[in-house]
Amino acid sequence: MNTPTHVVISALALGHGRWRSHCGAITGGALIPALPMVVFYLTERIVLGTPNRVIWSTRYFDPAWQGFINIFNSLPLIGLGAYIAWRARASAWLAFLASMAVHSLTDLLVHREDAHAHFFPLSSWRFVSPVSYWDPRYYGGLVGAFELLLIIGGAVVMLTCYSHRSWRVIAGVLLLLSLLPAVYALSVWVR
């Protein structure tokens, strides 16, 4: 899934009730599993000058990069951290880790060849979903449209139903990020 979708799903699943004030922790937990992908891409593309086709066809599958990515998407490691946070009564950390778990669990549904080893370090097994969030051969177009609707609908729910100001700011940013490409495309096509 795309990162804004993870933020919306975590916000909708966790951003109310007793965790409504943990906006930063929940948003951070939704973002952190994607951080190694950003580091990977920037290192390969900008630092090493690797062409995009090589990044996604070869370098992404390098065992060292996969290990780095899997650490941040590991359900056992997230679970261990959540247990420690729960024992320490650290509710912000628990919200953060719960959001990481939501991110990883939703990724299970829409990753094919690019699937993570979500049970690392206990297992290197990867669930290869029949659906891809990006590949049109495996419903990527439908998933992309669904994600856009989910971001817009989720952001509207956050704007109208969440009383915490931080959630409204995040919802506004998500709406802006999701609508900017459409506004740009329309401005180019209308000329």
N, C-alpha and C. Protein backbone atom coordinates (compact mmCIF):
# COMPACT_ATOMS: atom_id res chain seq x y z
N MET A 1 0.84 -1.19 0.00
CA MET A 1 0.00 0.00 0.00
C MET A 1 0.87 1.24 0.00
N ASN A 2 0.29 2.30 -0.45
CA ASN A 2 1.00 3.57 -0.40
C ASN A 2 0.92 4.12 1.02
N THR A 3 1.94 4.87 1.40
CA THR A 3 2.09 5.33 2.78
C THR A 3 0.90 6.15 3.28
N PRO A 4 0.34 7.08 2.51
CA PRO A 4 -0.82 7.82 3.03
C PRO A 4 -1.99 6.91 3.39
N THR A 5 -2.15 5.83 2.65
CA THR A 5 -3.22 4.89 2.96
C THR A 5 -2.99 4.26 4.33
N HIS A 6 -1.74 3.94 4.63
CA HIS A 6 -1.42 3.37 5.94
C HIS A 6 -1.76 4.35 7.06
N VAL A 7 -1.47 5.62 6.83
CA VAL A 7 -1.77 6.63 7.86
C VAL A 7 -3.28 6.69 8.10
N VAL A 8 -4.07 6.70 7.02
CA VAL A 8 -5.53 6.77 7.16
C VAL A 8 -6.06 5.53 7.88
N ILE A 9 -5.62 4.35 7.47
CA ILE A 9 -6.12 3.12 8.08
C ILE A 9 -5.78 3.09 9.58
N SER A 10 -4.54 3.45 9.92
CA SER A 10 -4.16 3.46 11.34
C SER A 10 -4.96 4.51 12.11
N ALA A 11 -5.16 5.67 11.50
CA ALA A 11 -5.94 6.72 12.17
C ALA A 11 -7.36 6.26 12.43
N LEU A 12 -7.96 5.62 11.42
CA LEU A 12 -9.34 5.16 11.57
C LEU A 12 -9.44 4.00 12.57
N ALA A 13 -8.45 3.13 12.57
CA ALA A 13 -8.49 1.96 13.45
C ALA A 13 -8.10 2.30 14.89
N LEU A 14 -7.18 3.24 15.06
CA LEU A 14 -6.60 3.46 16.40
C LEU A 14 -6.76 4.87 16.94
N GLY A 15 -7.12 5.83 16.10
CA GLY A 15 -7.06 7.25 16.49
C GLY A 15 -8.25 7.79 17.23
N HIS A 16 -9.00 6.96 17.87
CA HIS A 16 -10.15 7.42 18.65
C HIS A 16 -10.11 6.72 20.01
N GLY A 17 -11.08 6.98 20.83
CA GLY A 17 -11.10 6.33 22.14
C GLY A 17 -9.94 6.77 23.00
N ARG A 18 -9.38 5.84 23.73
CA ARG A 18 -8.32 6.19 24.69
C ARG A 18 -7.01 6.60 24.01
N TRP A 19 -6.84 6.29 22.73
CA TRP A 19 -5.60 6.66 22.04
C TRP A 19 -5.76 7.90 21.16
N ARG A 20 -6.88 8.61 21.25
CA ARG A 20 -7.11 9.75 20.35
C ARG A 20 -6.06 10.85 20.50
N SER A 21 -5.44 10.95 21.67
CA SER A 21 -4.42 11.98 21.86
C SER A 21 -3.04 11.53 21.39
N HIS A 22 -2.92 10.29 20.96
CA HIS A 22 -1.63 9.77 20.50
C HIS A 22 -1.48 9.88 18.97
N CYS A 23 -1.90 11.01 18.45
CA CYS A 23 -1.88 11.26 17.02
C CYS A 23 -0.47 11.08 16.44
N GLY A 24 0.52 11.67 17.08
CA GLY A 24 1.89 11.58 16.60
C GLY A 24 2.42 10.16 16.62
N ALA A 25 2.11 9.44 17.70
CA ALA A 25 2.58 8.05 17.81
C ALA A 25 1.94 7.16 16.76
N ILE A 26 0.64 7.33 16.54
CA ILE A 26 -0.07 6.51 15.56
C ILE A 26 0.40 6.85 14.14
N THR A 27 0.56 8.13 13.85
CA THR A 27 1.05 8.52 12.53
C THR A 27 2.48 8.02 12.32
N GLY A 28 3.32 8.18 13.33
CA GLY A 28 4.69 7.69 13.24
C GLY A 28 4.76 6.19 13.02
N GLY A 29 3.91 5.45 13.75
CA GLY A 29 3.86 4.00 13.58
C GLY A 29 3.41 3.58 12.20
N ALA A 30 2.55 4.38 11.58
CA ALA A 30 2.10 4.08 10.22
C ALA A 30 3.19 4.39 9.20
N LEU A 31 4.07 5.33 9.52
CA LEU A 31 5.13 5.75 8.59
C LEU A 31 6.41 4.91 8.70
N ILE A 32 6.78 4.52 9.91
CA ILE A 32 8.08 3.88 10.14
C ILE A 32 8.32 2.62 9.30
N PRO A 33 7.35 1.73 9.10
CA PRO A 33 7.65 0.56 8.26
C PRO A 33 8.02 0.91 6.82
N ALA A 34 7.66 2.10 6.36
CA ALA A 34 8.02 2.53 5.00
C ALA A 34 9.39 3.22 4.97
N LEU A 35 9.91 3.62 6.12
CA LEU A 35 11.18 4.34 6.18
C LEU A 35 12.33 3.57 5.53
N PRO A 36 12.48 2.26 5.76
CA PRO A 36 13.59 1.57 5.10
C PRO A 36 13.51 1.60 3.58
N MET A 37 12.29 1.67 3.05
CA MET A 37 12.15 1.76 1.59
C MET A 37 12.67 3.11 1.09
N VAL A 38 12.44 4.17 1.86
CA VAL A 38 12.93 5.49 1.49
C VAL A 38 14.46 5.50 1.55
N VAL A 39 15.01 4.95 2.63
CA VAL A 39 16.47 4.87 2.78
C VAL A 39 17.07 4.04 1.64
N PHE A 40 16.45 2.90 1.36
CA PHE A 40 16.90 2.03 0.27
C PHE A 40 16.92 2.79 -1.06
N TYR A 41 15.80 3.42 -1.39
CA TYR A 41 15.70 4.08 -2.68
C TYR A 41 16.69 5.25 -2.80
N LEU A 42 16.75 6.09 -1.78
CA LEU A 42 17.65 7.25 -1.83
C LEU A 42 19.11 6.81 -1.91
N THR A 43 19.45 5.76 -1.17
CA THR A 43 20.83 5.25 -1.22
C THR A 43 21.16 4.72 -2.61
N GLU A 44 20.27 3.89 -3.14
CA GLU A 44 20.53 3.30 -4.45
C GLU A 44 20.51 4.35 -5.56
N ARG A 45 19.51 5.21 -5.56
CA ARG A 45 19.33 6.14 -6.68
C ARG A 45 20.27 7.34 -6.60
N ILE A 46 20.32 7.98 -5.43
CA ILE A 46 21.07 9.24 -5.33
C ILE A 46 22.54 9.00 -4.96
N VAL A 47 22.77 8.17 -3.96
CA VAL A 47 24.15 7.95 -3.50
C VAL A 47 24.92 7.09 -4.50
N LEU A 48 24.32 5.97 -4.92
CA LEU A 48 25.02 5.02 -5.79
C LEU A 48 24.74 5.23 -7.28
N GLY A 49 23.69 6.00 -7.61
CA GLY A 49 23.37 6.27 -9.00
C GLY A 49 22.80 5.07 -9.76
N THR A 50 22.20 4.15 -9.05
CA THR A 50 21.63 2.96 -9.68
C THR A 50 20.40 3.35 -10.50
N PRO A 51 20.28 2.85 -11.74
CA PRO A 51 19.08 3.15 -12.53
C PRO A 51 17.82 2.54 -11.90
N ASN A 52 16.68 3.19 -12.09
CA ASN A 52 15.43 2.72 -11.50
C ASN A 52 15.11 1.28 -11.86
N ARG A 53 15.31 0.90 -13.13
CA ARG A 53 14.97 -0.47 -13.53
C ARG A 53 15.81 -1.49 -12.77
N VAL A 54 17.06 -1.16 -12.46
CA VAL A 54 17.93 -2.07 -11.70
C VAL A 54 17.54 -2.06 -10.22
N ILE A 55 17.16 -0.89 -9.71
CA ILE A 55 16.73 -0.80 -8.31
C ILE A 55 15.60 -1.76 -8.04
N TRP A 56 14.56 -1.72 -8.91
CA TRP A 56 13.35 -2.50 -8.63
C TRP A 56 13.41 -3.93 -9.15
N SER A 57 14.32 -4.22 -10.07
CA SER A 57 14.41 -5.60 -10.58
C SER A 57 15.47 -6.42 -9.88
N THR A 58 16.49 -5.77 -9.33
CA THR A 58 17.62 -6.49 -8.75
C THR A 58 17.94 -6.07 -7.32
N ARG A 59 18.25 -4.79 -7.14
CA ARG A 59 18.75 -4.31 -5.84
C ARG A 59 17.73 -4.50 -4.72
N TYR A 60 16.46 -4.32 -5.02
CA TYR A 60 15.41 -4.49 -4.00
C TYR A 60 15.47 -5.89 -3.39
N PHE A 61 15.84 -6.87 -4.18
CA PHE A 61 15.84 -8.27 -3.73
C PHE A 61 17.16 -8.70 -3.10
N ASP A 62 18.12 -7.80 -2.98
CA ASP A 62 19.39 -8.10 -2.33
C ASP A 62 19.12 -8.50 -0.87
N PRO A 63 19.71 -9.60 -0.39
CA PRO A 63 19.44 -10.07 0.99
C PRO A 63 19.71 -9.02 2.07
N ALA A 64 20.74 -8.19 1.89
CA ALA A 64 21.03 -7.17 2.90
C ALA A 64 19.91 -6.14 2.97
N TRP A 65 19.45 -5.68 1.81
CA TRP A 65 18.35 -4.72 1.79
C TRP A 65 17.07 -5.36 2.33
N GLN A 66 16.81 -6.60 1.94
CA GLN A 66 15.61 -7.28 2.43
C GLN A 66 15.64 -7.42 3.95
N GLY A 67 16.80 -7.75 4.51
CA GLY A 67 16.91 -7.86 5.97
C GLY A 67 16.62 -6.54 6.65
N PHE A 68 17.14 -5.45 6.09
CA PHE A 68 16.91 -4.12 6.65
C PHE A 68 15.42 -3.76 6.60
N ILE A 69 14.79 -4.04 5.47
CA ILE A 69 13.36 -3.74 5.31
C ILE A 69 12.52 -4.62 6.24
N ASN A 70 12.88 -5.89 6.35
CA ASN A 70 12.10 -6.82 7.16
C ASN A 70 12.12 -6.50 8.65
N ILE A 71 13.19 -5.93 9.14
CA ILE A 71 13.26 -5.56 10.56
C ILE A 71 12.10 -4.62 10.92
N PHE A 72 11.82 -3.67 10.05
CA PHE A 72 10.78 -2.67 10.32
C PHE A 72 9.37 -3.16 10.03
N ASN A 73 9.26 -4.33 9.42
CA ASN A 73 7.95 -4.90 9.09
C ASN A 73 7.71 -6.23 9.79
N SER A 74 8.51 -6.54 10.78
CA SER A 74 8.46 -7.83 11.47
C SER A 74 7.38 -7.84 12.56
N LEU A 75 6.37 -8.65 12.34
CA LEU A 75 5.31 -8.76 13.35
C LEU A 75 5.81 -9.32 14.68
N PRO A 76 6.72 -10.31 14.70
CA PRO A 76 7.25 -10.76 16.00
C PRO A 76 8.01 -9.65 16.75
N LEU A 77 8.81 -8.87 16.03
CA LEU A 77 9.54 -7.78 16.70
C LEU A 77 8.59 -6.68 17.16
N ILE A 78 7.60 -6.37 16.35
CA ILE A 78 6.59 -5.39 16.75
C ILE A 78 5.83 -5.91 17.98
N GLY A 79 5.47 -7.19 17.95
CA GLY A 79 4.77 -7.80 19.10
C GLY A 79 5.60 -7.76 20.36
N LEU A 80 6.89 -8.05 20.24
CA LEU A 80 7.78 -7.98 21.42
C LEU A 80 7.84 -6.56 21.96
N GLY A 81 7.98 -5.60 21.06
CA GLY A 81 7.98 -4.20 21.50
C GLY A 81 6.67 -3.80 22.15
N ALA A 82 5.55 -4.27 21.60
CA ALA A 82 4.24 -3.96 22.17
C ALA A 82 4.09 -4.58 23.55
N TYR A 83 4.59 -5.79 23.72
CA TYR A 83 4.53 -6.43 25.04
C TYR A 83 5.32 -5.62 26.06
N ILE A 84 6.50 -5.18 25.68
CA ILE A 84 7.32 -4.36 26.59
C ILE A 84 6.62 -3.04 26.90
N ALA A 85 6.04 -2.40 25.89
CA ALA A 85 5.32 -1.14 26.10
C ALA A 85 4.11 -1.35 27.00
N TRP A 86 3.40 -2.45 26.80
CA TRP A 86 2.23 -2.75 27.63
C TRP A 86 2.65 -2.96 29.08
N ARG A 87 3.72 -3.73 29.30
CA ARG A 87 4.21 -3.98 30.66
C ARG A 87 4.68 -2.68 31.33
N ALA A 88 5.24 -1.79 30.54
CA ALA A 88 5.73 -0.51 31.06
C ALA A 88 4.61 0.53 31.16
N ARG A 89 3.41 0.16 30.73
CA ARG A 89 2.26 1.07 30.72
C ARG A 89 2.56 2.35 29.91
N ALA A 90 3.28 2.15 28.82
CA ALA A 90 3.66 3.26 27.94
C ALA A 90 2.66 3.30 26.78
N SER A 91 1.54 3.98 27.00
CA SER A 91 0.45 3.94 26.02
C SER A 91 0.82 4.55 24.68
N ALA A 92 1.64 5.59 24.66
CA ALA A 92 2.04 6.18 23.39
C ALA A 92 2.87 5.19 22.57
N TRP A 93 3.78 4.48 23.23
CA TRP A 93 4.58 3.47 22.54
C TRP A 93 3.70 2.32 22.07
N LEU A 94 2.73 1.97 22.87
CA LEU A 94 1.82 0.89 22.49
C LEU A 94 1.00 1.30 21.25
N ALA A 95 0.54 2.55 21.23
CA ALA A 95 -0.18 3.05 20.06
C ALA A 95 0.72 3.06 18.82
N PHE A 96 1.97 3.49 19.00
CA PHE A 96 2.95 3.51 17.91
C PHE A 96 3.15 2.11 17.33
N LEU A 97 3.36 1.13 18.21
CA LEU A 97 3.60 -0.25 17.77
C LEU A 97 2.35 -0.89 17.18
N ALA A 98 1.20 -0.56 17.74
CA ALA A 98 -0.06 -1.06 17.16
C ALA A 98 -0.22 -0.53 15.74
N SER A 99 0.14 0.72 15.51
CA SER A 99 0.06 1.30 14.18
C SER A 99 1.05 0.64 13.22
N MET A 100 2.25 0.31 13.71
CA MET A 100 3.20 -0.44 12.89
C MET A 100 2.61 -1.79 12.49
N ALA A 101 1.94 -2.44 13.45
CA ALA A 101 1.33 -3.75 13.17
C ALA A 101 0.22 -3.61 12.12
N VAL A 102 -0.60 -2.57 12.23
CA VAL A 102 -1.65 -2.34 11.24
C VAL A 102 -1.02 -2.15 9.85
N HIS A 103 0.05 -1.39 9.78
CA HIS A 103 0.76 -1.18 8.52
C HIS A 103 1.21 -2.53 7.94
N SER A 104 1.87 -3.33 8.75
CA SER A 104 2.40 -4.61 8.28
C SER A 104 1.30 -5.57 7.88
N LEU A 105 0.24 -5.61 8.65
CA LEU A 105 -0.87 -6.52 8.33
C LEU A 105 -1.58 -6.13 7.04
N THR A 106 -1.74 -4.84 6.81
CA THR A 106 -2.39 -4.43 5.56
C THR A 106 -1.47 -4.64 4.36
N ASP A 107 -0.15 -4.53 4.57
CA ASP A 107 0.78 -4.84 3.49
C ASP A 107 0.68 -6.29 3.05
N LEU A 108 0.39 -7.17 3.97
CA LEU A 108 0.24 -8.59 3.62
C LEU A 108 -0.78 -8.79 2.50
N LEU A 109 -1.79 -7.95 2.47
CA LEU A 109 -2.90 -8.12 1.53
C LEU A 109 -2.58 -7.70 0.10
N VAL A 110 -1.58 -6.84 -0.08
CA VAL A 110 -1.40 -6.24 -1.40
C VAL A 110 0.04 -6.24 -1.92
N HIS A 111 0.87 -7.13 -1.41
CA HIS A 111 2.23 -7.25 -1.94
C HIS A 111 2.41 -8.63 -2.57
N ARG A 112 2.95 -8.65 -3.76
CA ARG A 112 3.20 -9.91 -4.47
C ARG A 112 4.70 -10.22 -4.44
N GLU A 113 5.38 -10.04 -5.55
CA GLU A 113 6.81 -10.34 -5.62
C GLU A 113 7.61 -9.47 -4.65
N ASP A 114 7.06 -8.33 -4.30
CA ASP A 114 7.73 -7.40 -3.39
C ASP A 114 7.33 -7.61 -1.93
N ALA A 115 6.75 -8.77 -1.63
CA ALA A 115 6.28 -9.05 -0.26
C ALA A 115 7.43 -9.06 0.74
N HIS A 116 7.11 -8.65 1.95
CA HIS A 116 8.09 -8.65 3.04
C HIS A 116 8.01 -9.97 3.80
N ALA A 117 9.08 -10.28 4.51
CA ALA A 117 9.09 -11.45 5.40
C ALA A 117 8.56 -10.97 6.76
N HIS A 118 7.24 -10.94 6.91
CA HIS A 118 6.60 -10.35 8.08
C HIS A 118 6.83 -11.13 9.37
N PHE A 119 7.41 -12.31 9.27
CA PHE A 119 7.66 -13.10 10.48
C PHE A 119 9.15 -13.21 10.79
N PHE A 120 9.95 -12.34 10.16
CA PHE A 120 11.37 -12.23 10.43
C PHE A 120 11.54 -11.86 11.91
N PRO A 121 12.47 -12.37 12.65
CA PRO A 121 13.56 -13.28 12.33
C PRO A 121 13.19 -14.76 12.52
N LEU A 122 11.94 -15.03 12.84
CA LEU A 122 11.52 -16.42 13.06
C LEU A 122 11.42 -17.20 11.77
N SER A 123 11.12 -16.50 10.68
CA SER A 123 10.93 -17.17 9.40
C SER A 123 11.20 -16.18 8.28
N SER A 124 11.69 -16.69 7.16
CA SER A 124 11.89 -15.84 5.98
C SER A 124 10.74 -16.00 4.98
N TRP A 125 9.70 -16.73 5.40
CA TRP A 125 8.53 -16.96 4.56
C TRP A 125 7.85 -15.63 4.22
N ARG A 126 7.39 -15.54 2.99
CA ARG A 126 6.70 -14.34 2.51
C ARG A 126 5.34 -14.76 1.95
N PHE A 127 4.31 -14.06 2.36
CA PHE A 127 2.99 -14.30 1.78
C PHE A 127 2.93 -13.53 0.47
N VAL A 128 2.78 -14.24 -0.63
CA VAL A 128 2.66 -13.62 -1.94
C VAL A 128 1.16 -13.48 -2.24
N SER A 129 0.68 -12.27 -2.11
CA SER A 129 -0.75 -12.00 -2.29
C SER A 129 -1.16 -12.15 -3.75
N PRO A 130 -2.39 -12.53 -4.00
CA PRO A 130 -2.88 -12.55 -5.38
C PRO A 130 -3.18 -11.14 -5.90
N VAL A 131 -3.04 -10.14 -5.02
CA VAL A 131 -3.36 -8.75 -5.36
C VAL A 131 -2.11 -7.90 -5.14
N SER A 132 -1.90 -6.94 -6.03
CA SER A 132 -0.78 -6.01 -5.91
C SER A 132 -1.33 -4.59 -5.79
N TYR A 133 -0.70 -3.78 -4.97
CA TYR A 133 -1.14 -2.40 -4.85
C TYR A 133 -0.66 -1.54 -6.01
N TRP A 134 0.28 -2.04 -6.81
CA TRP A 134 0.83 -1.24 -7.90
C TRP A 134 0.81 -1.92 -9.28
N ASP A 135 0.82 -3.22 -9.32
CA ASP A 135 0.96 -3.94 -10.59
C ASP A 135 -0.41 -4.15 -11.24
N PRO A 136 -0.64 -3.55 -12.42
CA PRO A 136 -1.95 -3.68 -13.07
C PRO A 136 -2.31 -5.12 -13.46
N ARG A 137 -1.31 -5.99 -13.58
CA ARG A 137 -1.59 -7.40 -13.89
C ARG A 137 -2.30 -8.10 -12.74
N TYR A 138 -2.19 -7.52 -11.55
CA TYR A 138 -2.78 -8.12 -10.35
C TYR A 138 -3.66 -7.11 -9.63
N TYR A 139 -4.51 -6.45 -10.40
CA TYR A 139 -5.53 -5.53 -9.88
C TYR A 139 -4.96 -4.23 -9.32
N GLY A 140 -3.74 -3.86 -9.70
CA GLY A 140 -3.13 -2.64 -9.20
C GLY A 140 -3.94 -1.39 -9.49
N GLY A 141 -4.58 -1.33 -10.65
CA GLY A 141 -5.42 -0.17 -10.98
C GLY A 141 -6.61 -0.05 -10.05
N LEU A 142 -7.25 -1.17 -9.78
CA LEU A 142 -8.40 -1.17 -8.86
C LEU A 142 -7.96 -0.83 -7.44
N VAL A 143 -6.84 -1.41 -7.01
CA VAL A 143 -6.35 -1.13 -5.66
C VAL A 143 -5.98 0.34 -5.54
N GLY A 144 -5.34 0.90 -6.57
CA GLY A 144 -4.98 2.32 -6.54
C GLY A 144 -6.21 3.21 -6.43
N ALA A 145 -7.25 2.90 -7.19
CA ALA A 145 -8.49 3.68 -7.11
C ALA A 145 -9.12 3.54 -5.73
N PHE A 146 -9.12 2.31 -5.21
CA PHE A 146 -9.67 2.07 -3.87
C PHE A 146 -8.87 2.85 -2.82
N GLU A 147 -7.55 2.84 -2.95
CA GLU A 147 -6.71 3.59 -2.00
C GLU A 147 -7.02 5.08 -2.03
N LEU A 148 -7.17 5.63 -3.21
CA LEU A 148 -7.49 7.06 -3.32
C LEU A 148 -8.82 7.36 -2.65
N LEU A 149 -9.83 6.53 -2.91
CA LEU A 149 -11.13 6.72 -2.25
C LEU A 149 -11.03 6.57 -0.74
N LEU A 150 -10.22 5.60 -0.30
CA LEU A 150 -10.02 5.39 1.13
C LEU A 150 -9.34 6.58 1.79
N ILE A 151 -8.34 7.13 1.13
CA ILE A 151 -7.65 8.31 1.68
C ILE A 151 -8.62 9.49 1.77
N ILE A 152 -9.35 9.75 0.70
CA ILE A 152 -10.27 10.89 0.70
C ILE A 152 -11.39 10.67 1.72
N GLY A 153 -12.01 9.48 1.69
CA GLY A 153 -13.09 9.20 2.64
C GLY A 153 -12.61 9.20 4.07
N GLY A 154 -11.46 8.59 4.32
CA GLY A 154 -10.91 8.56 5.67
C GLY A 154 -10.56 9.95 6.17
N ALA A 155 -9.98 10.76 5.28
CA ALA A 155 -9.64 12.13 5.67
C ALA A 155 -10.90 12.94 5.99
N VAL A 156 -11.95 12.74 5.22
CA VAL A 156 -13.22 13.44 5.51
C VAL A 156 -13.76 13.00 6.87
N VAL A 157 -13.71 11.71 7.16
CA VAL A 157 -14.14 11.22 8.47
C VAL A 157 -13.30 11.87 9.57
N MET A 158 -11.99 11.91 9.37
CA MET A 158 -11.12 12.52 10.38
C MET A 158 -11.43 14.00 10.56
N LEU A 159 -11.70 14.70 9.47
CA LEU A 159 -12.01 16.13 9.56
C LEU A 159 -13.33 16.38 10.28
N THR A 160 -14.30 15.52 10.06
CA THR A 160 -15.64 15.78 10.60
C THR A 160 -15.90 15.11 11.93
N CYS A 161 -15.23 14.01 12.22
CA CYS A 161 -15.57 13.24 13.42
C CYS A 161 -14.50 13.28 14.51
N TYR A 162 -13.28 13.60 14.18
CA TYR A 162 -12.22 13.58 15.18
C TYR A 162 -12.09 14.96 15.80
N SER A 163 -12.15 15.04 17.10
CA SER A 163 -12.12 16.33 17.78
C SER A 163 -10.70 16.83 18.01
N HIS A 164 -9.72 15.97 18.01
CA HIS A 164 -8.34 16.38 18.26
C HIS A 164 -7.81 17.14 17.05
N ARG A 165 -7.31 18.35 17.27
CA ARG A 165 -6.86 19.23 16.19
C ARG A 165 -5.78 18.58 15.33
N SER A 166 -4.86 17.83 15.94
CA SER A 166 -3.77 17.21 15.19
C SER A 166 -4.29 16.26 14.11
N TRP A 167 -5.37 15.53 14.44
CA TRP A 167 -5.94 14.62 13.44
C TRP A 167 -6.49 15.40 12.26
N ARG A 168 -7.07 16.56 12.54
CA ARG A 168 -7.61 17.38 11.45
C ARG A 168 -6.50 17.90 10.54
N VAL A 169 -5.39 18.29 11.16
CA VAL A 169 -4.24 18.77 10.36
C VAL A 169 -3.73 17.64 9.47
N ILE A 170 -3.57 16.45 10.04
CA ILE A 170 -3.11 15.31 9.25
C ILE A 170 -4.10 14.99 8.14
N ALA A 171 -5.38 15.05 8.44
CA ALA A 171 -6.40 14.79 7.41
C ALA A 171 -6.28 15.81 6.28
N GLY A 172 -6.07 17.07 6.61
CA GLY A 172 -5.90 18.10 5.59
C GLY A 172 -4.67 17.84 4.72
N VAL A 173 -3.58 17.46 5.34
CA VAL A 173 -2.36 17.15 4.59
C VAL A 173 -2.59 15.95 3.67
N LEU A 174 -3.26 14.91 4.18
CA LEU A 174 -3.55 13.72 3.37
C LEU A 174 -4.43 14.08 2.17
N LEU A 175 -5.45 14.90 2.40
CA LEU A 175 -6.30 15.33 1.29
C LEU A 175 -5.50 16.11 0.25
N LEU A 176 -4.67 17.02 0.72
CA LEU A 176 -3.84 17.81 -0.18
C LEU A 176 -2.92 16.90 -0.99
N LEU A 177 -2.23 15.98 -0.32
CA LEU A 177 -1.31 15.08 -1.02
C LEU A 177 -2.02 14.18 -2.03
N SER A 178 -3.23 13.77 -1.71
CA SER A 178 -3.94 12.87 -2.62
C SER A 178 -4.58 13.61 -3.78
N LEU A 179 -4.93 14.87 -3.58
CA LEU A 179 -5.60 15.62 -4.63
C LEU A 179 -4.66 16.41 -5.54
N LEU A 180 -3.45 16.72 -5.06
CA LEU A 180 -2.51 17.50 -5.86
C LEU A 180 -2.20 16.87 -7.22
N PRO A 181 -1.92 15.57 -7.28
CA PRO A 181 -1.67 14.98 -8.61
C PRO A 181 -2.87 15.13 -9.56
N ALA A 182 -4.07 15.00 -9.02
CA ALA A 182 -5.26 15.14 -9.87
C ALA A 182 -5.41 16.59 -10.35
N VAL A 183 -5.17 17.54 -9.47
CA VAL A 183 -5.25 18.96 -9.85
C VAL A 183 -4.20 19.28 -10.91
N TYR A 184 -2.98 18.76 -10.71
CA TYR A 184 -1.92 18.98 -11.69
C TYR A 184 -2.30 18.38 -13.05
N ALA A 185 -2.79 17.13 -13.03
CA ALA A 185 -3.16 16.46 -14.28
C ALA A 185 -4.25 17.25 -15.01
N LEU A 186 -5.25 17.71 -14.27
CA LEU A 186 -6.32 18.48 -14.88
C LEU A 186 -5.79 19.80 -15.46
N SER A 187 -4.88 20.45 -14.77
CA SER A 187 -4.33 21.72 -15.26
C SER A 187 -3.54 21.50 -16.55
N VAL A 188 -2.88 20.38 -16.69
CA VAL A 188 -2.13 20.09 -17.90
C VAL A 188 -3.06 19.72 -19.04
N TRP A 189 -4.10 18.92 -18.77
CA TRP A 189 -5.01 18.45 -19.80
C TRP A 189 -5.94 19.54 -20.31
N VAL A 190 -6.29 20.49 -19.45
CA VAL A 190 -7.27 21.52 -19.82
C VAL A 190 -6.64 22.57 -20.73
N ARG A 191 -5.38 22.74 -20.72
CA ARG A 191 -4.70 23.78 -21.54
C ARG A 191 -4.99 23.64 -22.98
